[in-house]
C-alpha atoms as a PDB file:
ATOM      1  CA  MET A   1      37.854 -19.453-111.088  1.00  0.00           C
ATOM      2  CA  ARG A   2      39.308 -16.088-112.087  1.00  0.00           C
ATOM      3  CA  PRO A   3      40.256 -13.945-109.065  1.00  0.00           C
ATOM      4  CA  TYR A   4      39.811 -10.198-108.681  1.00  0.00           C
ATOM      5  CA  GLY A   5      42.074  -7.850-106.781  1.00  0.00           C
ATOM      6  CA  GLN A   6      44.641  -5.099-107.137  1.00  0.00           C
ATOM      7  CA  GLY A   7      47.529  -6.145-109.361  1.00  0.00           C
ATOM      8  CA  ILE A   8      46.191  -9.642-110.144  1.00  0.00           C
ATOM      9  CA  LEU A   9      46.442 -10.413-113.861  1.00  0.00           C
ATOM     10  CA  LYS A  10      43.696 -12.108-115.860  1.00  0.00           C
ATOM     11  CA  ASN A  11      45.391 -15.500-116.340  1.00  0.00           C
ATOM     12  CA  SER A  12      45.473 -16.088-112.567  1.00  0.00           C
ATOM     13  CA  LYS A  13      43.364 -18.801-110.895  1.00  0.00           C
ATOM     14  CA  ILE A  14      41.848 -19.372-107.455  1.00  0.00           C
ATOM     15  CA  TYR A  15      39.925 -22.352-106.066  1.00  0.00           C
ATOM     16  CA  PHE A  16      37.893 -22.398-102.865  1.00  0.00           C
ATOM     17  CA  CYS A  17      38.062 -25.714-101.040  1.00  0.00           C
ATOM     18  CA  SER A  18      36.081 -27.661 -98.490  1.00  0.00           C
ATOM     19  CA  LEU A  19      36.912 -30.731 -96.466  1.00  0.00           C
ATOM     20  CA  GLY A  20      34.868 -33.759 -97.464  1.00  0.00           C
ATOM     21  CA  SER A  21      33.859 -34.657 -93.928  1.00  0.00           C
ATOM     22  CA  ASP A  22      33.319 -32.274 -91.030  1.00  0.00           C
ATOM     23  CA  GLU A  23      34.478 -34.907 -88.541  1.00  0.00           C
ATOM     24  CA  HIS A  24      37.895 -34.903 -90.207  1.00  0.00           C
ATOM     25  CA  ARG A  25      38.429 -31.315 -89.083  1.00  0.00           C
ATOM     26  CA  SER A  26      39.196 -32.613 -85.606  1.00  0.00           C
ATOM     27  CA  PHE A  27      42.483 -34.169 -86.722  1.00  0.00           C
ATOM     28  CA  LEU A  28      43.323 -33.368 -90.369  1.00  0.00           C
ATOM     29  CA  PHE A  29      44.712 -30.315 -92.140  1.00  0.00           C
ATOM     30  CA  TRP A  30      42.583 -28.780 -94.849  1.00  0.00           C
ATOM     31  CA  PRO A  31      42.929 -25.969 -97.423  1.00  0.00           C
ATOM     32  CA  LEU A  32      40.523 -23.034 -97.473  1.00  0.00           C
ATOM     33  CA  CYS A  33      41.616 -21.885-100.917  1.00  0.00           C
ATOM     34  CA  VAL A  34      44.545 -22.338-103.276  1.00  0.00           C
ATOM     35  CA  GLY A  35      45.774 -20.223-106.146  1.00  0.00           C
ATOM     36  CA  HIS A  36      48.252 -19.636-108.923  1.00  0.00           C
ATOM     37  CA  TYR A  37      48.634 -15.901-109.437  1.00  0.00           C
ATOM     38  CA  TYR A  38      50.325 -13.741-112.036  1.00  0.00           C
ATOM     39  CA  CYS A  39      50.715 -10.228-110.653  1.00  0.00           C
ATOM     40  CA  ASP A  40      52.036  -6.862-111.752  1.00  0.00           C
ATOM     41  CA  GLY A  41      53.951  -4.323-109.681  1.00  0.00           C
ATOM     42  CA  ASP A  42      50.750  -2.988-108.066  1.00  0.00           C
ATOM     43  CA  TYR A  43      49.834  -6.288-106.422  1.00  0.00           C
ATOM     44  CA  ILE A  44      49.004  -5.911-102.739  1.00  0.00           C
ATOM     45  CA  VAL A  45      46.979  -7.772-100.124  1.00  0.00           C
ATOM     46  CA  LYS A  46      46.369  -6.067 -96.793  1.00  0.00           C
ATOM     47  CA  ARG A  47      43.921  -7.569 -94.302  1.00  0.00           C
ATOM     48  CA  GLN A  48      43.141  -7.512 -90.605  1.00  0.00           C
ATOM     49  CA  ASN A  49      42.520 -11.256 -90.651  1.00  0.00           C
ATOM     50  CA  TYR A  50      41.607 -14.208 -92.833  1.00  0.00           C
ATOM     51  CA  ASN A  51      41.307 -16.924 -90.214  1.00  0.00           C
ATOM     52  CA  SER A  52      43.894 -19.375 -91.525  1.00  0.00           C
ATOM     53  CA  PHE A  53      47.587 -19.769 -92.245  1.00  0.00           C
ATOM     54  CA  LEU A  54      49.118 -19.031 -95.643  1.00  0.00           C
ATOM     55  CA  VAL A  55      52.032 -20.631 -97.462  1.00  0.00           C
ATOM     56  CA  LEU A  56      53.396 -18.774-100.510  1.00  0.00           C
ATOM     57  CA  TYR A  57      55.931 -19.906-103.083  1.00  0.00           C
ATOM     58  CA  VAL A  58      57.509 -17.431-105.512  1.00  0.00           C
ATOM     59  CA  ILE A  59      58.027 -18.826-109.008  1.00  0.00           C
ATOM     60  CA  ARG A  60      59.112 -15.613-110.742  1.00  0.00           C
ATOM     61  CA  GLY A  61      59.687 -12.010-109.717  1.00  0.00           C
ATOM     62  CA  SER A  62      59.740 -11.105-106.040  1.00  0.00           C
ATOM     63  CA  LEU A  63      57.252 -10.748-103.214  1.00  0.00           C
ATOM     64  CA  TYR A  64      57.477  -8.530-100.141  1.00  0.00           C
ATOM     65  CA  VAL A  65      55.920  -9.378 -96.789  1.00  0.00           C
ATOM     66  CA  GLU A  66      55.455  -6.608 -94.225  1.00  0.00           C
ATOM     67  CA  ASN A  67      55.378  -7.071 -90.462  1.00  0.00           C
ATOM     68  CA  LEU A  68      52.401  -4.918 -89.453  1.00  0.00           C
ATOM     69  CA  GLN A  69      53.064  -5.361 -85.725  1.00  0.00           C
ATOM     70  CA  HIS A  70      56.795  -4.672 -85.445  1.00  0.00           C
ATOM     71  CA  GLY A  71      57.652  -3.062 -88.758  1.00  0.00           C
ATOM     72  CA  GLY A  72      60.125  -4.255 -91.342  1.00  0.00           C
ATOM     73  CA  ARG A  73      59.806  -5.968 -94.683  1.00  0.00           C
ATOM     74  CA  SER A  74      61.025  -9.350 -95.935  1.00  0.00           C
ATOM     75  CA  ILE A  75      61.682 -10.008 -99.612  1.00  0.00           C
ATOM     76  CA  VAL A  76      60.991 -13.453-101.039  1.00  0.00           C
ATOM     77  CA  GLU A  77      62.904 -14.225-104.223  1.00  0.00           C
ATOM     78  CA  PRO A  78      62.194 -16.934-106.831  1.00  0.00           C
ATOM     79  CA  GLY A  79      62.344 -20.387-105.254  1.00  0.00           C
ATOM     80  CA  GLY A  80      61.579 -18.907-101.832  1.00  0.00           C
ATOM     81  CA  PHE A  81      58.703 -19.555 -99.442  1.00  0.00           C
ATOM     82  CA  ALA A  82      56.841 -17.469 -96.893  1.00  0.00           C
ATOM     83  CA  ILE A  83      54.397 -18.562 -94.196  1.00  0.00           C
ATOM     84  CA  LEU A  84      51.960 -16.079 -92.639  1.00  0.00           C
ATOM     85  CA  ASP A  85      49.680 -16.178 -89.629  1.00  0.00           C
ATOM     86  CA  CYS A  86      46.544 -14.743 -91.203  1.00  0.00           C
ATOM     87  CA  TYR A  87      44.680 -14.724 -87.909  1.00  0.00           C
ATOM     88  CA  LYS A  88      46.609 -11.501 -87.353  1.00  0.00           C
ATOM     89  CA  PRO A  89      46.913  -8.372 -89.522  1.00  0.00           C
ATOM     90  CA  HIS A  90      49.086  -9.109 -92.555  1.00  0.00           C
ATOM     91  CA  CYS A  91      50.286  -7.455 -95.728  1.00  0.00           C
ATOM     92  CA  TYR A  92      52.162  -8.708 -98.773  1.00  0.00           C
ATOM     93  CA  GLY A  93      52.551  -7.720-102.392  1.00  0.00           C
ATOM     94  CA  SER A  94      54.966  -7.019-105.206  1.00  0.00           C
ATOM     95  CA  THR A  95      56.585  -3.932-106.680  1.00  0.00           C
ATOM     96  CA  THR A  96      58.259  -5.841-109.513  1.00  0.00           C
ATOM     97  CA  GLY A  97      55.534  -8.245-110.583  1.00  0.00           C
ATOM     98  CA  CYS A  98      55.543 -11.911-109.667  1.00  0.00           C
ATOM     99  CA  GLU A  99      54.161 -15.380-110.279  1.00  0.00           C
ATOM    100  CA  ILE A 100      53.186 -17.182-107.074  1.00  0.00           C
ATOM    101  CA  LEU A 101      51.647 -20.461-105.962  1.00  0.00           C
ATOM    102  CA  TRP A 102      49.862 -20.336-102.638  1.00  0.00           C
ATOM    103  CA  ALA A 103      47.443 -22.047-100.250  1.00  0.00           C
ATOM    104  CA  HIS A 104      45.450 -20.883 -97.241  1.00  0.00           C
ATOM    105  CA  PHE A 105      45.161 -23.792 -94.815  1.00  0.00           C
ATOM    106  CA  ASP A 106      44.195 -24.652 -91.260  1.00  0.00           C
ATOM    107  CA  GLY A 107      43.871 -27.600 -88.918  1.00  0.00           C
ATOM    108  CA  PRO A 108      43.877 -28.465 -85.204  1.00  0.00           C
ATOM    109  CA  GLU A 109      47.696 -28.609 -85.136  1.00  0.00           C
ATOM    110  CA  ALA A 110      48.352 -25.730 -87.525  1.00  0.00           C
ATOM    111  CA  ARG A 111      49.120 -23.289 -84.714  1.00  0.00           C
ATOM    112  CA  HIS A 112      51.668 -25.663 -83.178  1.00  0.00           C
ATOM    113  CA  TYR A 113      53.456 -26.086 -86.494  1.00  0.00           C
ATOM    114  CA  TYR A 114      53.541 -22.329 -87.028  1.00  0.00           C
ATOM    115  CA  ASP A 115      54.772 -21.564 -83.498  1.00  0.00           C
ATOM    116  CA  PHE A 116      57.572 -24.095 -83.906  1.00  0.00           C
ATOM    117  CA  MET A 117      58.834 -22.198 -86.932  1.00  0.00           C
ATOM    118  CA  LYS A 118      58.174 -18.706 -85.540  1.00  0.00           C
ATOM    119  CA  PRO A 119      61.285 -18.451 -83.254  1.00  0.00           C
ATOM    120  CA  ARG A 120      63.421 -17.859 -86.308  1.00  0.00           C
ATOM    121  CA  GLY A 121      61.879 -14.414 -86.350  1.00  0.00           C
ATOM    122  CA  ARG A 122      61.373 -14.448 -90.092  1.00  0.00           C
ATOM    123  CA  THR A 123      58.468 -14.659 -92.510  1.00  0.00           C
ATOM    124  CA  ALA A 124      60.575 -15.967 -95.379  1.00  0.00           C
ATOM    125  CA  LEU A 125      61.583 -19.516 -94.512  1.00  0.00           C
ATOM    126  CA  LEU A 126      63.850 -22.114 -96.046  1.00  0.00           C
ATOM    127  CA  PRO A 127      62.575 -25.699 -96.080  1.00  0.00           C
ATOM    128  CA  ALA A 128      65.117 -28.495 -95.705  1.00  0.00           C
ATOM    129  CA  ASP A 129      64.264 -29.508 -99.296  1.00  0.00           C
ATOM    130  CA  PRO A 130      62.545 -26.642-101.171  1.00  0.00           C
ATOM    131  CA  GLU A 131      61.862 -28.866-104.183  1.00  0.00           C
ATOM    132  CA  THR A 132      59.920 -31.335-102.022  1.00  0.00           C
ATOM    133  CA  SER A 133      57.848 -28.558-100.459  1.00  0.00           C
ATOM    134  CA  TYR A 134      57.129 -27.149-103.914  1.00  0.00           C
ATOM    135  CA  ARG A 135      56.020 -30.569-105.214  1.00  0.00           C
ATOM    136  CA  TYR A 136      53.612 -31.016-102.301  1.00  0.00           C
ATOM    137  CA  LEU A 137      52.189 -27.537-102.871  1.00  0.00           C
ATOM    138  CA  MET A 138      51.835 -28.228-106.589  1.00  0.00           C
ATOM    139  CA  ARG A 139      50.070 -31.541-105.903  1.00  0.00           C
ATOM    140  CA  LEU A 140      47.669 -29.756-103.576  1.00  0.00           C
ATOM    141  CA  TYR A 141      46.919 -27.146-106.235  1.00  0.00           C
ATOM    142  CA  ASP A 142      46.480 -29.785-108.951  1.00  0.00           C
ATOM    143  CA  VAL A 143      43.783 -31.540-106.931  1.00  0.00           C
ATOM    144  CA  TYR A 144      41.531 -28.544-107.633  1.00  0.00           C
ATOM    145  CA  ASP A 145      42.986 -27.226-110.881  1.00  0.00           C
ATOM    146  CA  LYS A 146      42.916 -30.601-112.639  1.00  0.00           C
ATOM    147  CA  ASN A 147      40.019 -32.137-110.698  1.00  0.00           C
ATOM    148  CA  LYS A 148      42.193 -34.958-109.458  1.00  0.00           C
ATOM    149  CA  PRO A 149      40.502 -37.376-107.050  1.00  0.00           C
ATOM    150  CA  ALA A 150      41.964 -37.057-103.557  1.00  0.00           C
ATOM    151  CA  SER A 151      40.772 -38.115-100.127  1.00  0.00           C
ATOM    152  CA  ASP A 152      40.767 -35.779 -97.144  1.00  0.00           C
ATOM    153  CA  ALA A 153      43.708 -37.754 -95.757  1.00  0.00           C
ATOM    154  CA  LEU A 154      45.745 -37.296 -98.946  1.00  0.00           C
ATOM    155  CA  ILE A 155      45.054 -33.555 -99.029  1.00  0.00           C
ATOM    156  CA  SER A 156      46.098 -33.331 -95.383  1.00  0.00           C
ATOM    157  CA  LYS A 157      49.244 -35.301 -96.216  1.00  0.00           C
ATOM    158  CA  TYR A 158      50.239 -32.723 -98.830  1.00  0.00           C
ATOM    159  CA  ILE A 159      49.945 -29.876 -96.305  1.00  0.00           C
ATOM    160  CA  ILE A 160      51.809 -31.820 -93.619  1.00  0.00           C
ATOM    161  CA  GLY A 161      54.511 -32.622 -96.170  1.00  0.00           C
ATOM    162  CA  ILE A 162      55.037 -28.926 -96.863  1.00  0.00           C
ATOM    163  CA  LEU A 163      55.203 -28.040 -93.177  1.00  0.00           C
ATOM    164  CA  THR A 164      57.428 -30.964 -92.251  1.00  0.00           C
ATOM    165  CA  GLU A 165      60.128 -29.723 -94.616  1.00  0.00           C
ATOM    166  CA  PHE A 166      59.965 -26.323 -92.914  1.00  0.00           C
ATOM    167  CA  MET A 167      60.271 -27.928 -89.489  1.00  0.00           C
ATOM    168  CA  ILE A 168      63.317 -29.932 -90.572  1.00  0.00           C
ATOM    169  CA  GLY A 169      64.810 -26.755 -92.013  1.00  0.00           C
ATOM    170  CA  VAL A 170      64.234 -24.884 -88.743  1.00  0.00           C
ATOM    171  CA  SER A 171      65.781 -27.714 -86.708  1.00  0.00           C
ATOM    172  CA  ASP A 172      68.842 -27.860 -88.967  1.00  0.00           C
ATOM    173  CA  SER A 173      69.149 -24.072 -88.789  1.00  0.00           C
ATOM    174  CA  SER A 174      68.893 -24.137 -84.979  1.00  0.00           C
ATOM    175  CA  GLN A 175      71.682 -26.714 -84.772  1.00  0.00           C
ATOM    176  CA  SER A 176      73.784 -24.596 -87.109  1.00  0.00           C
ATOM    177  CA  ILE A 177      73.180 -21.472 -85.009  1.00  0.00           C
ATOM    178  CA  ALA A 178      74.048 -23.355 -81.813  1.00  0.00           C
ATOM    179  CA  SER A 179      77.343 -24.408 -83.391  1.00  0.00           C
ATOM    180  CA  LYS A 180      78.061 -20.819 -84.452  1.00  0.00           C
ATOM    181  CA  LEU A 181      77.360 -19.533 -80.947  1.00  0.00           C
ATOM    182  CA  GLU A 182      79.683 -22.130 -79.407  1.00  0.00           C
ATOM    183  CA  HIS A 183      82.354 -20.959 -81.831  1.00  0.00           C
ATOM    184  CA  VAL A 184      81.831 -17.344 -80.729  1.00  0.00           C
ATOM    185  CA  ARG A 185      81.989 -18.309 -77.063  1.00  0.00           C
ATOM    186  CA  ALA A 186      85.286 -20.140 -77.639  1.00  0.00           C
ATOM    187  CA  TYR A 187      86.566 -17.065 -79.481  1.00  0.00           C
ATOM    188  CA  ILE A 188      85.640 -14.841 -76.519  1.00  0.00           C
ATOM    189  CA  ASP A 189      87.416 -17.176 -74.091  1.00  0.00           C
ATOM    190  CA  ASP A 190      90.580 -17.047 -76.220  1.00  0.00           C
ATOM    191  CA  ASN A 191      90.519 -13.272 -76.786  1.00  0.00           C
ATOM    192  CA  LEU A 192      89.443 -11.690 -73.507  1.00  0.00           C
ATOM    193  CA  THR A 193      92.132  -9.016 -73.786  1.00  0.00           C
ATOM    194  CA  GLU A 194      90.718  -7.792 -77.120  1.00  0.00           C
ATOM    195  CA  SER A 195      87.909  -5.232 -77.569  1.00  0.00           C
ATOM    196  CA  LEU A 196      85.222  -7.873 -78.401  1.00  0.00           C
ATOM    197  CA  ALA A 197      82.664  -5.416 -79.759  1.00  0.00           C
ATOM    198  CA  LEU A 198      79.139  -6.754 -80.123  1.00  0.00           C
ATOM    199  CA  GLU A 199      79.140  -6.028 -83.856  1.00  0.00           C
ATOM    200  CA  GLU A 200      82.362  -8.008 -84.265  1.00  0.00           C
ATOM    201  CA  LEU A 201      80.956 -11.037 -82.428  1.00  0.00           C
ATOM    202  CA  ALA A 202      77.707 -10.950 -84.408  1.00  0.00           C
ATOM    203  CA  ASP A 203      79.689 -10.754 -87.639  1.00  0.00           C
ATOM    204  CA  LEU A 204      81.767 -13.735 -86.534  1.00  0.00           C
ATOM    205  CA  ALA A 205      78.530 -15.709 -86.136  1.00  0.00           C
ATOM    206  CA  GLY A 206      77.202 -14.440 -89.458  1.00  0.00           C
ATOM    207  CA  LEU A 207      74.062 -13.057 -87.763  1.00  0.00           C
ATOM    208  CA  SER A 208      72.502  -9.630 -87.270  1.00  0.00           C
ATOM    209  CA  VAL A 209      73.375  -7.918 -83.986  1.00  0.00           C
ATOM    210  CA  PHE A 210      69.804  -8.170 -82.687  1.00  0.00           C
ATOM    211  CA  TYR A 211      69.333 -11.827 -83.647  1.00  0.00           C
ATOM    212  CA  PHE A 212      72.803 -12.781 -82.374  1.00  0.00           C
ATOM    213  CA  SER A 213      72.187 -11.129 -78.977  1.00  0.00           C
ATOM    214  CA  ARG A 214      68.810 -12.813 -78.584  1.00  0.00           C
ATOM    215  CA  GLN A 215      70.074 -16.271 -79.560  1.00  0.00           C
ATOM    216  CA  PHE A 216      73.214 -15.952 -77.407  1.00  0.00           C
ATOM    217  CA  LYS A 217      71.145 -15.167 -74.318  1.00  0.00           C
ATOM    218  CA  LYS A 218      68.755 -17.986 -75.133  1.00  0.00           C
ATOM    219  CA  GLN A 219      71.596 -20.503 -75.383  1.00  0.00           C
ATOM    220  CA  PHE A 220      73.895 -19.326 -72.572  1.00  0.00           C
ATOM    221  CA  GLY A 221      71.538 -17.515 -70.189  1.00  0.00           C
ATOM    222  CA  CYS A 222      73.241 -14.129 -70.399  1.00  0.00           C
ATOM    223  CA  THR A 223      73.926 -11.405 -72.943  1.00  0.00           C
ATOM    224  CA  PRO A 224      77.217 -11.395 -74.885  1.00  0.00           C
ATOM    225  CA  HIS A 225      78.339  -8.324 -72.916  1.00  0.00           C
ATOM    226  CA  ASP A 226      77.586  -9.977 -69.581  1.00  0.00           C
ATOM    227  CA  TYR A 227      79.436 -13.106 -70.625  1.00  0.00           C
ATOM    228  CA  VAL A 228      82.517 -11.081 -71.585  1.00  0.00           C
ATOM    229  CA  VAL A 229      82.497  -9.146 -68.305  1.00  0.00           C
ATOM    230  CA  ARG A 230      82.025 -12.257 -66.152  1.00  0.00           C
ATOM    231  CA  SER A 231      84.805 -14.079 -68.011  1.00  0.00           C
ATOM    232  CA  ARG A 232      87.182 -11.148 -67.557  1.00  0.00           C
ATOM    233  CA  LEU A 233      86.395 -10.938 -63.850  1.00  0.00           C
ATOM    234  CA  ASN A 234      87.025 -14.646 -63.424  1.00  0.00           C
ATOM    235  CA  MET A 235      90.429 -14.157 -65.026  1.00  0.00           C
ATOM    236  CA  ALA A 236      91.078 -11.155 -62.788  1.00  0.00           C
ATOM    237  CA  ARG A 237      90.263 -13.114 -59.623  1.00  0.00           C
ATOM    238  CA  PHE A 238      92.784 -15.740 -60.656  1.00  0.00           C
ATOM    239  CA  TYR A 239      95.561 -13.192 -61.278  1.00  0.00           C
ATOM    240  CA  LEU A 240      94.824 -11.277 -58.078  1.00  0.00           C
ATOM    241  CA  LYS A 241      95.331 -14.430 -56.032  1.00  0.00           C
ATOM    242  CA  THR A 242      98.185 -16.026 -57.952  1.00  0.00           C
ATOM    243  CA  SER A 243     100.371 -13.246 -59.382  1.00  0.00           C
ATOM    244  CA  PRO A 244     102.326 -10.222 -58.109  1.00  0.00           C
ATOM    245  CA  MET A 245     100.829  -7.947 -60.785  1.00  0.00           C
ATOM    246  CA  SER A 246      99.424  -4.628 -59.623  1.00  0.00           C
ATOM    247  CA  VAL A 247      95.687  -4.013 -59.790  1.00  0.00           C
ATOM    248  CA  LYS A 248      96.255  -1.777 -62.802  1.00  0.00           C
ATOM    249  CA  GLU A 249      98.262  -4.463 -64.565  1.00  0.00           C
ATOM    250  CA  VAL A 250      95.551  -7.041 -63.847  1.00  0.00           C
ATOM    251  CA  ALA A 251      92.923  -4.684 -65.242  1.00  0.00           C
ATOM    252  CA  PHE A 252      94.721  -4.301 -68.575  1.00  0.00           C
ATOM    253  CA  ARG A 253      95.731  -7.976 -68.705  1.00  0.00           C
ATOM    254  CA  CYS A 254      92.042  -8.911 -68.426  1.00  0.00           C
ATOM    255  CA  GLY A 255      90.786  -6.595 -71.154  1.00  0.00           C
ATOM    256  CA  PHE A 256      89.455  -3.642 -69.132  1.00  0.00           C
ATOM    257  CA  GLU A 257      89.975  -0.172 -70.580  1.00  0.00           C
ATOM    258  CA  ASP A 258      91.282   1.376 -67.365  1.00  0.00           C
ATOM    259  CA  GLU A 259      91.834   0.658 -63.669  1.00  0.00           C
ATOM    260  CA  CYS A 260      88.868   2.750 -62.510  1.00  0.00           C
ATOM    261  CA  ASN A 261      86.398   0.914 -64.704  1.00  0.00           C
ATOM    262  CA  PHE A 262      87.842  -2.422 -63.578  1.00  0.00           C
ATOM    263  CA  CYS A 263      87.584  -1.573 -59.868  1.00  0.00           C
ATOM    264  CA  THR A 264      84.002  -0.300 -60.201  1.00  0.00           C
ATOM    265  CA  CYS A 265      82.934  -3.395 -62.110  1.00  0.00           C
ATOM    266  CA  PHE A 266      84.772  -5.745 -59.734  1.00  0.00           C
ATOM    267  CA  LYS A 267      83.202  -4.252 -56.607  1.00  0.00           C
ATOM    268  CA  LYS A 268      79.725  -4.224 -58.152  1.00  0.00           C
ATOM    269  CA  ARG A 269      79.892  -7.922 -58.964  1.00  0.00           C
ATOM    270  CA  SER A 270      82.109  -9.246 -56.183  1.00  0.00           C
ATOM    271  CA  GLY A 271      81.057  -7.078 -53.250  1.00  0.00           C
ATOM    272  CA  CYS A 272      84.618  -5.916 -52.534  1.00  0.00           C
ATOM    273  CA  THR A 273      87.468  -4.082 -54.233  1.00  0.00           C
ATOM    274  CA  PRO A 274      90.223  -5.961 -56.074  1.00  0.00           C
ATOM    275  CA  ALA A 275      92.669  -5.053 -53.284  1.00  0.00           C
ATOM    276  CA  GLN A 276      90.300  -6.357 -50.611  1.00  0.00           C
ATOM    277  CA  PHE A 277      89.776  -9.572 -52.567  1.00  0.00           C
ATOM    278  CA  ARG A 278      93.541 -10.066 -52.893  1.00  0.00           C
ATOM    279  CA  ALA A 279      94.106  -9.475 -49.175  1.00  0.00           C
ATOM    280  CA  SER A 280      91.311 -11.782 -48.046  1.00  0.00           C
ATOM    281  CA  ALA A 281      91.941 -15.367 -47.051  1.00  0.00           C
ATOM    282  CA  GLU A 282      89.030 -16.588 -49.133  1.00  0.00           C
ATOM    283  CA  PRO A 283      89.850 -18.992 -51.971  1.00  0.00           C
ATOM    284  CA  ILE A 284      89.227 -17.994 -55.591  1.00  0.00           C
ATOM    285  CA  GLN A 285      85.531 -18.203 -56.416  1.00  0.00           C
ATOM    286  CA  ILE A 286      84.862 -18.491 -60.100  1.00  0.00           C
ATOM    287  CA  GLU A 287      81.403 -17.627 -61.420  1.00  0.00           C
ATOM    288  CA  ASP A 288      79.634 -20.307 -63.400  1.00  0.00           C
ATOM    289  CA  LEU A 289      79.333 -19.402 -67.058  1.00  0.00           C
END
């Protein structure tokens, strides 16, 4: 069937689908429609909802996906995928022209799959094996484009195959991020006397400042800044009890910019001044990090 819409060229195709058995909707995935579009630079889709989820694959050109709730735009290049929650307002299109393969789908577990992938905070996703995801999507499209016989279970398998590759990709990415964050934490521990600017730490992890801060807190239970301060104060407590250095010397040795800032921070977090802590008979108490 030839589709109609802004920027959709005449050699594009769309097929509307239905699951063979209504009872299968209780446990299988199913497509609502699938398509192979050729689009010019005026292509745009903007909707309040289209109760389903959407997987898009860019064959040629580029596709943009806008976040209508929080702002921002993701660009999907050739060989890239995007997954959208079309139960919510969504917008995507192209300013360069593109060729895309896509499928609207749903199922009783579709929301769980989507939510698993959502923490990455991106619309454009990278499957563990993009070629495998593409083959599953192509097989799904061919069922309708070439009238290939396929059971409801086989159609559901194609959709699950696509999503499974995304889930593996997310898991691998999460493990990679965890490793990067551990590397940053070790770097902080070894360089407490340095400036340790947030931008520097994020760059060390190869992440944006916002995403780095969010993932760091998720993994370690505190912000990067709080971790740095707590680590420096732990070092200061040790020096105050075990060395003859003056309070000022301890402040600079532990990475604080000046004695006043150190004393204010120490009292706020320890309940006493550095001098009072040094004079007390209490043993060193190190905060858990």
